[in-house]
């Protein structure tokens, strides 16, 4: 297989922006509420959902009175 890299330029690490996202489970006080800094992945029920959160937004979510708790997700092994 031939890979064509015509037109590609080397990147500049100094201009890179961090994209550290965490996969979390969030529990909120108000049904249907999703904090503005999170990206909803899947709703579990009205108060609980899976989300992607920028790591630098954790302090803001900790201070949000609508957020009851937040926990990191874990990958589960496949059961055969």
PDB file of N, CA and C in Angstrom:
ATOM      1  N   UNK A   1       0.852  -1.169   0.000  1.00  0.00           N
ATOM      2  CA  UNK A   1       0.000   0.000   0.000  1.00  0.00           C
ATOM      3  C   UNK A   1       0.899   1.233   0.000  1.00  0.00           C
ATOM      4  N   UNK A   2       0.551   2.202  -0.805  1.00  0.00           N
ATOM      5  CA  UNK A   2       1.297   3.458  -0.887  1.00  0.00           C
ATOM      6  C   UNK A   2       0.508   4.547  -0.174  1.00  0.00           C
ATOM      7  N   UNK A   3       1.187   5.264   0.715  1.00  0.00           N
ATOM      8  CA  UNK A   3       0.553   6.369   1.426  1.00  0.00           C
ATOM      9  C   UNK A   3       1.099   7.662   0.854  1.00  0.00           C
ATOM     10  N   UNK A   4       0.218   8.514   0.399  1.00  0.00           N
ATOM     11  CA  UNK A   4       0.609   9.778  -0.206  1.00  0.00           C
ATOM     12  C   UNK A   4       0.587  10.876   0.851  1.00  0.00           C
ATOM     13  N   UNK A   5       1.703  11.528   1.040  1.00  0.00           N
ATOM     14  CA  UNK A   5       1.748  12.623   2.013  1.00  0.00           C
ATOM     15  C   UNK A   5       2.039  13.963   1.344  1.00  0.00           C
ATOM     16  N   UNK A   6       1.712  14.076   0.069  1.00  0.00           N
ATOM     17  CA  UNK A   6       1.889  15.341  -0.645  1.00  0.00           C
ATOM     18  C   UNK A   6       1.051  16.425   0.012  1.00  0.00           C
ATOM     19  N   UNK A   7       1.599  17.573   0.201  1.00  0.00           N
ATOM     20  CA  UNK A   7       0.868  18.701   0.748  1.00  0.00           C
ATOM     21  C   UNK A   7       0.828  18.728   2.271  1.00  0.00           C
ATOM     22  N   UNK A   8       1.369  17.728   2.935  1.00  0.00           N
ATOM     23  CA  UNK A   8       1.390  17.728   4.393  1.00  0.00           C
ATOM     24  C   UNK A   8       2.580  18.533   4.893  1.00  0.00           C
ATOM     25  N   UNK A   9       2.389  19.254   5.952  1.00  0.00           N
ATOM     26  CA  UNK A   9       3.460  20.035   6.553  1.00  0.00           C
ATOM     27  C   UNK A   9       3.655  19.567   7.988  1.00  0.00           C
ATOM     28  N   UNK A  10       4.885  19.645   8.489  1.00  0.00           N
ATOM     29  CA  UNK A  10       5.097  19.237   9.882  1.00  0.00           C
ATOM     30  C   UNK A  10       4.327  20.154  10.828  1.00  0.00           C
ATOM     31  N   UNK A  11       3.848  19.570  11.891  1.00  0.00           N
ATOM     32  CA  UNK A  11       3.117  20.346  12.882  1.00  0.00           C
ATOM     33  C   UNK A  11       4.045  21.122  13.791  1.00  0.00           C
ATOM     34  N   UNK A  12       3.474  22.054  14.538  1.00  0.00           N
ATOM     35  CA  UNK A  12       4.235  22.846  15.491  1.00  0.00           C
ATOM     36  C   UNK A  12       3.698  22.526  16.885  1.00  0.00           C
ATOM     37  N   UNK A  13       4.436  21.722  17.681  1.00  0.00           N
ATOM     38  CA  UNK A  13       3.940  21.365  19.011  1.00  0.00           C
ATOM     39  C   UNK A  13       3.650  22.566  19.897  1.00  0.00           C
ATOM     40  N   UNK A  14       4.322  23.677  19.675  1.00  0.00           N
ATOM     41  CA  UNK A  14       4.097  24.866  20.473  1.00  0.00           C
ATOM     42  C   UNK A  14       2.719  25.476  20.256  1.00  0.00           C
ATOM     43  N   UNK A  15       2.099  25.170  19.125  1.00  0.00           N
ATOM     44  CA  UNK A  15       0.774  25.706  18.824  1.00  0.00           C
ATOM     45  C   UNK A  15      -0.337  24.708  19.116  1.00  0.00           C
ATOM     46  N   UNK A  16       0.027  23.535  19.607  1.00  0.00           N
ATOM     47  CA  UNK A  16      -0.979  22.525  19.902  1.00  0.00           C
ATOM     48  C   UNK A  16      -1.831  22.964  21.086  1.00  0.00           C
ATOM     49  N   UNK A  17      -3.094  22.614  21.039  1.00  0.00           N
ATOM     50  CA  UNK A  17      -3.991  22.921  22.151  1.00  0.00           C
ATOM     51  C   UNK A  17      -4.382  21.610  22.822  1.00  0.00           C
ATOM     52  N   UNK A  18      -4.381  21.578  24.145  1.00  0.00           N
ATOM     53  CA  UNK A  18      -4.735  20.335  24.818  1.00  0.00           C
ATOM     54  C   UNK A  18      -6.201  19.980  24.612  1.00  0.00           C
ATOM     55  N   UNK A  19      -6.451  18.726  24.431  1.00  0.00           N
ATOM     56  CA  UNK A  19      -7.825  18.260  24.252  1.00  0.00           C
ATOM     57  C   UNK A  19      -8.125  17.185  25.289  1.00  0.00           C
ATOM     58  N   UNK A  20      -7.612  17.363  26.496  1.00  0.00           N
ATOM     59  CA  UNK A  20      -7.824  16.381  27.543  1.00  0.00           C
ATOM     60  C   UNK A  20      -9.294  16.349  27.931  1.00  0.00           C
ATOM     61  N   UNK A  21      -9.934  15.270  27.561  1.00  0.00           N
ATOM     62  CA  UNK A  21     -11.340  15.059  27.884  1.00  0.00           C
ATOM     63  C   UNK A  21     -11.432  13.845  28.791  1.00  0.00           C
ATOM     64  N   UNK A  22     -12.360  13.885  29.703  1.00  0.00           N
ATOM     65  CA  UNK A  22     -12.610  12.753  30.586  1.00  0.00           C
ATOM     66  C   UNK A  22     -14.015  12.232  30.321  1.00  0.00           C
ATOM     67  N   UNK A  23     -14.149  10.922  30.346  1.00  0.00           N
ATOM     68  CA  UNK A  23     -15.461  10.291  30.242  1.00  0.00           C
ATOM     69  C   UNK A  23     -15.959  10.108  31.670  1.00  0.00           C
ATOM     70  N   UNK A  24     -17.113  10.689  31.971  1.00  0.00           N
ATOM     71  CA  UNK A  24     -17.621  10.663  33.340  1.00  0.00           C
ATOM     72  C   UNK A  24     -19.107  10.324  33.370  1.00  0.00           C
ATOM     73  N   UNK A  25     -19.552   9.887  34.549  1.00  0.00           N
ATOM     74  CA  UNK A  25     -20.967   9.730  34.838  1.00  0.00           C
ATOM     75  C   UNK A  25     -21.332  10.885  35.759  1.00  0.00           C
ATOM     76  N   UNK A  26     -22.369  11.630  35.405  1.00  0.00           N
ATOM     77  CA  UNK A  26     -22.760  12.818  36.164  1.00  0.00           C
ATOM     78  C   UNK A  26     -24.172  12.618  36.725  1.00  0.00           C
ATOM     79  N   UNK A  27     -24.344  12.970  37.993  1.00  0.00           N
ATOM     80  CA  UNK A  27     -25.668  12.970  38.616  1.00  0.00           C
ATOM     81  C   UNK A  27     -26.015  14.412  38.942  1.00  0.00           C
ATOM     82  N   UNK A  28     -27.231  14.839  38.552  1.00  0.00           N
ATOM     83  CA  UNK A  28     -27.659  16.219  38.762  1.00  0.00           C
ATOM     84  C   UNK A  28     -28.932  16.259  39.602  1.00  0.00           C
ATOM     85  N   UNK A  29     -29.220  17.428  40.179  1.00  0.00           N
ATOM     86  CA  UNK A  29     -30.395  17.604  41.037  1.00  0.00           C
ATOM     87  C   UNK A  29     -31.687  17.821  40.247  1.00  0.00           C
ATOM     88  N   UNK A  30     -31.587  18.485  39.115  1.00  0.00           N
ATOM     89  CA  UNK A  30     -32.759  18.860  38.323  1.00  0.00           C
ATOM     90  C   UNK A  30     -32.897  17.921  37.128  1.00  0.00           C
ATOM     91  N   UNK A  31     -34.068  17.332  36.968  1.00  0.00           N
ATOM     92  CA  UNK A  31     -34.304  16.407  35.861  1.00  0.00           C
ATOM     93  C   UNK A  31     -34.025  17.088  34.523  1.00  0.00           C
ATOM     94  N   UNK A  32     -33.254  16.416  33.669  1.00  0.00           N
ATOM     95  CA  UNK A  32     -32.965  16.919  32.333  1.00  0.00           C
ATOM     96  C   UNK A  32     -31.851  17.941  32.247  1.00  0.00           C
ATOM     97  N   UNK A  33     -31.305  18.378  33.379  1.00  0.00           N
ATOM     98  CA  UNK A  33     -30.263  19.405  33.364  1.00  0.00           C
ATOM     99  C   UNK A  33     -28.939  18.819  32.881  1.00  0.00           C
ATOM    100  N   UNK A  34     -28.282  19.527  31.980  1.00  0.00           N
ATOM    101  CA  UNK A  34     -26.940  19.179  31.520  1.00  0.00           C
ATOM    102  C   UNK A  34     -26.099  20.443  31.621  1.00  0.00           C
ATOM    103  N   UNK A  35     -25.026  20.449  32.438  1.00  0.00           N
ATOM    104  CA  UNK A  35     -24.193  21.646  32.557  1.00  0.00           C
ATOM    105  C   UNK A  35     -23.655  22.073  31.192  1.00  0.00           C
ATOM    106  N   UNK A  36     -23.506  23.369  30.974  1.00  0.00           N
ATOM    107  CA  UNK A  36     -23.096  23.858  29.654  1.00  0.00           C
ATOM    108  C   UNK A  36     -21.692  23.431  29.231  1.00  0.00           C
ATOM    109  N   UNK A  37     -20.832  23.050  30.156  1.00  0.00           N
ATOM    110  CA  UNK A  37     -19.454  22.706  29.791  1.00  0.00           C
ATOM    111  C   UNK A  37     -19.258  21.232  29.478  1.00  0.00           C
ATOM    112  N   UNK A  38     -20.330  20.433  29.528  1.00  0.00           N
ATOM    113  CA  UNK A  38     -20.187  19.001  29.258  1.00  0.00           C
ATOM    114  C   UNK A  38     -20.875  18.643  27.950  1.00  0.00           C
ATOM    115  N   UNK A  39     -20.404  17.566  27.344  1.00  0.00           N
ATOM    116  CA  UNK A  39     -21.016  17.033  26.136  1.00  0.00           C
ATOM    117  C   UNK A  39     -21.713  15.737  26.494  1.00  0.00           C
ATOM    118  N   UNK A  40     -23.014  15.717  26.367  1.00  0.00           N
ATOM    119  CA  UNK A  40     -23.810  14.551  26.698  1.00  0.00           C
ATOM    120  C   UNK A  40     -23.461  13.399  25.761  1.00  0.00           C
ATOM    121  N   UNK A  41     -23.183  12.230  26.336  1.00  0.00           N
ATOM    122  CA  UNK A  41     -22.907  11.030  25.534  1.00  0.00           C
ATOM    123  C   UNK A  41     -24.120  10.117  25.516  1.00  0.00           C
ATOM    124  N   UNK A  42     -24.682   9.834  26.700  1.00  0.00           N
ATOM    125  CA  UNK A  42     -25.846   8.953  26.797  1.00  0.00           C
ATOM    126  C   UNK A  42     -26.582   9.248  28.092  1.00  0.00           C
ATOM    127  N   UNK A  43     -27.885   9.307  28.013  1.00  0.00           N
ATOM    128  CA  UNK A  43     -28.687   9.543  29.205  1.00  0.00           C
ATOM    129  C   UNK A  43     -29.054   8.199  29.815  1.00  0.00           C
ATOM    130  N   UNK A  44     -28.843   8.070  31.126  1.00  0.00           N
ATOM    131  CA  UNK A  44     -29.185   6.858  31.851  1.00  0.00           C
ATOM    132  C   UNK A  44     -30.596   6.989  32.411  1.00  0.00           C
ATOM    133  N   UNK A  45     -30.889   8.107  33.015  1.00  0.00           N
ATOM    134  CA  UNK A  45     -32.246   8.470  33.404  1.00  0.00           C
ATOM    135  C   UNK A  45     -32.319   9.988  33.456  1.00  0.00           C
ATOM    136  N   UNK A  46     -33.371  10.551  34.053  1.00  0.00           N
ATOM    137  CA  UNK A  46     -33.538  12.007  34.053  1.00  0.00           C
ATOM    138  C   UNK A  46     -32.446  12.740  34.829  1.00  0.00           C
ATOM    139  N   UNK A  47     -31.822  12.048  35.789  1.00  0.00           N
ATOM    140  CA  UNK A  47     -30.844  12.690  36.669  1.00  0.00           C
ATOM    141  C   UNK A  47     -29.420  12.189  36.466  1.00  0.00           C
ATOM    142  N   UNK A  48     -29.214  11.186  35.648  1.00  0.00           N
ATOM    143  CA  UNK A  48     -27.920  10.526  35.515  1.00  0.00           C
ATOM    144  C   UNK A  48     -27.587  10.360  34.044  1.00  0.00           C
ATOM    145  N   UNK A  49     -26.348  10.725  33.667  1.00  0.00           N
ATOM    146  CA  UNK A  49     -25.957  10.598  32.271  1.00  0.00           C
ATOM    147  C   UNK A  49     -24.447  10.437  32.142  1.00  0.00           C
ATOM    148  N   UNK A  50     -24.038   9.891  31.010  1.00  0.00           N
ATOM    149  CA  UNK A  50     -22.621   9.785  30.659  1.00  0.00           C
ATOM    150  C   UNK A  50     -22.269  11.007  29.830  1.00  0.00           C
ATOM    151  N   UNK A  51     -21.065  11.523  30.052  1.00  0.00           N
ATOM    152  CA  UNK A  51     -20.675  12.753  29.360  1.00  0.00           C
ATOM    153  C   UNK A  51     -19.167  12.808  29.142  1.00  0.00           C
ATOM    154  N   UNK A  52     -18.765  13.659  28.209  1.00  0.00           N
ATOM    155  CA  UNK A  52     -17.365  14.027  28.016  1.00  0.00           C
ATOM    156  C   UNK A  52     -17.195  15.412  28.629  1.00  0.00           C
ATOM    157  N   UNK A  53     -16.154  15.556  29.445  1.00  0.00           N
ATOM    158  CA  UNK A  53     -15.905  16.820  30.134  1.00  0.00           C
ATOM    159  C   UNK A  53     -14.447  17.223  29.944  1.00  0.00           C
ATOM    160  N   UNK A  54     -14.187  18.460  29.525  1.00  0.00           N
ATOM    161  CA  UNK A  54     -12.803  18.926  29.495  1.00  0.00           C
ATOM    162  C   UNK A  54     -12.252  18.919  30.927  1.00  0.00           C
ATOM    163  N   UNK A  55     -11.076  18.355  31.097  1.00  0.00           N
ATOM    164  CA  UNK A  55     -10.494  18.209  32.429  1.00  0.00           C
ATOM    165  C   UNK A  55     -10.379  19.557  33.141  1.00  0.00           C
ATOM    166  N   UNK A  56     -10.097  20.603  32.410  1.00  0.00           N
ATOM    167  CA  UNK A  56      -9.941  21.913  33.049  1.00  0.00           C
ATOM    168  C   UNK A  56     -11.273  22.487  33.552  1.00  0.00           C
ATOM    169  N   UNK A  57     -12.394  21.825  33.242  1.00  0.00           N
ATOM    170  CA  UNK A  57     -13.707  22.283  33.705  1.00  0.00           C
ATOM    171  C   UNK A  57     -14.156  21.601  34.998  1.00  0.00           C
ATOM    172  N   UNK A  58     -13.361  20.657  35.518  1.00  0.00           N
ATOM    173  CA  UNK A  58     -13.727  19.967  36.757  1.00  0.00           C
ATOM    174  C   UNK A  58     -14.025  20.932  37.901  1.00  0.00           C
ATOM    175  N   UNK A  59     -13.172  21.942  38.163  1.00  0.00           N
ATOM    176  CA  UNK A  59     -13.475  22.855  39.277  1.00  0.00           C
ATOM    177  C   UNK A  59     -14.819  23.568  39.117  1.00  0.00           C
ATOM    178  N   UNK A  60     -15.149  23.955  37.892  1.00  0.00           N
ATOM    179  CA  UNK A  60     -16.430  24.632  37.648  1.00  0.00           C
ATOM    180  C   UNK A  60     -17.595  23.690  37.957  1.00  0.00           C
ATOM    181  N   UNK A  61     -17.476  22.430  37.561  1.00  0.00           N
ATOM    182  CA  UNK A  61     -18.539  21.468  37.832  1.00  0.00           C
ATOM    183  C   UNK A  61     -18.655  21.162  39.321  1.00  0.00           C
ATOM    184  N   UNK A  62     -17.528  21.128  40.029  1.00  0.00           N
ATOM    185  CA  UNK A  62     -17.562  20.901  41.476  1.00  0.00           C
ATOM    186  C   UNK A  62     -18.292  22.022  42.198  1.00  0.00           C
ATOM    187  N   UNK A  63     -18.213  23.231  41.660  1.00  0.00           N
ATOM    188  CA  UNK A  63     -18.876  24.391  42.267  1.00  0.00           C
ATOM    189  C   UNK A  63     -20.319  24.564  41.803  1.00  0.00           C
ATOM    190  N   UNK A  64     -20.747  23.788  40.815  1.00  0.00           N
ATOM    191  CA  UNK A  64     -22.094  23.910  40.269  1.00  0.00           C
ATOM    192  C   UNK A  64     -23.090  23.276  41.245  1.00  0.00           C
ATOM    193  N   UNK A  65     -24.023  24.045  41.801  1.00  0.00           N
ATOM    194  CA  UNK A  65     -24.963  23.499  42.786  1.00  0.00           C
ATOM    195  C   UNK A  65     -25.919  22.451  42.201  1.00  0.00           C
ATOM    196  N   UNK A  66     -26.077  22.413  40.888  1.00  0.00           N
ATOM    197  CA  UNK A  66     -26.952  21.420  40.258  1.00  0.00           C
ATOM    198  C   UNK A  66     -26.280  20.048  40.122  1.00  0.00           C
ATOM    199  N   UNK A  67     -24.952  19.999  40.236  1.00  0.00           N
ATOM    200  CA  UNK A  67     -24.228  18.738  40.092  1.00  0.00           C
ATOM    201  C   UNK A  67     -24.097  18.081  41.462  1.00  0.00           C
ATOM    202  N   UNK A  68     -24.680  16.889  41.591  1.00  0.00           N
ATOM    203  CA  UNK A  68     -24.615  16.140  42.837  1.00  0.00           C
ATOM    204  C   UNK A  68     -23.296  15.397  42.937  1.00  0.00           C
ATOM    205  N   UNK A  69     -22.928  14.689  41.863  1.00  0.00           N
ATOM    206  CA  UNK A  69     -21.676  13.932  41.860  1.00  0.00           C
ATOM    207  C   UNK A  69     -21.208  13.700  40.439  1.00  0.00           C
ATOM    208  N   UNK A  70     -19.937  13.319  40.351  1.00  0.00           N
ATOM    209  CA  UNK A  70     -19.318  13.048  39.071  1.00  0.00           C
ATOM    210  C   UNK A  70     -18.273  11.966  39.310  1.00  0.00           C
ATOM    211  N   UNK A  71     -18.278  10.920  38.481  1.00  0.00           N
ATOM    212  CA  UNK A  71     -17.320   9.829  38.647  1.00  0.00           C
ATOM    213  C   UNK A  71     -16.777   9.421  37.287  1.00  0.00           C
ATOM    214  N   UNK A  72     -15.500   9.081  37.273  1.00  0.00           N
ATOM    215  CA  UNK A  72     -14.862   8.623  36.038  1.00  0.00           C
ATOM    216  C   UNK A  72     -15.424   7.262  35.646  1.00  0.00           C
ATOM    217  N   UNK A  73     -15.577   7.051  34.347  1.00  0.00           N
ATOM    218  CA  UNK A  73     -16.047   5.759  33.872  1.00  0.00           C
ATOM    219  C   UNK A  73     -14.869   4.797  33.773  1.00  0.00           C
ATOM    220  N   UNK A  74     -15.178   3.521  33.788  1.00  0.00           N
ATOM    221  CA  UNK A  74     -14.150   2.494  33.636  1.00  0.00           C
ATOM    222  C   UNK A  74     -14.546   1.603  32.469  1.00  0.00           C
ATOM    223  N   UNK A  75     -13.538   1.203  31.690  1.00  0.00           N
ATOM    224  CA  UNK A  75     -13.801   0.246  30.614  1.00  0.00           C
ATOM    225  C   UNK A  75     -13.964  -1.120  31.250  1.00  0.00           C
ATOM    226  N   UNK A  76     -14.994  -1.815  30.833  1.00  0.00           N
ATOM    227  CA  UNK A  76     -15.226  -3.147  31.343  1.00  0.00           C
ATOM    228  C   UNK A  76     -14.682  -4.174  30.363  1.00  0.00           C
ATOM    229  N   UNK A  77     -14.181  -5.263  30.896  1.00  0.00           N
ATOM    230  CA  UNK A  77     -13.669  -6.306  30.008  1.00  0.00           C
ATOM    231  C   UNK A  77     -14.843  -7.036  29.376  1.00  0.00           C
ATOM    232  N   UNK A  78     -14.605  -7.621  28.248  1.00  0.00           N
ATOM    233  CA  UNK A  78     -15.648  -8.359  27.541  1.00  0.00           C
ATOM    234  C   UNK A  78     -15.795  -9.728  28.182  1.00  0.00           C
ATOM    235  N   UNK A  79     -17.008 -10.083  28.492  1.00  0.00           N
ATOM    236  CA  UNK A  79     -17.299 -11.395  29.062  1.00  0.00           C
ATOM    237  C   UNK A  79     -17.708 -12.319  27.931  1.00  0.00           C
ATOM    238  N   UNK A  80     -16.971 -13.390  27.782  1.00  0.00           N
ATOM    239  CA  UNK A  80     -17.285 -14.332  26.702  1.00  0.00           C
ATOM    240  C   UNK A  80     -18.008 -15.539  27.210  1.00  0.00           C
TER     241      UNK A  80
END
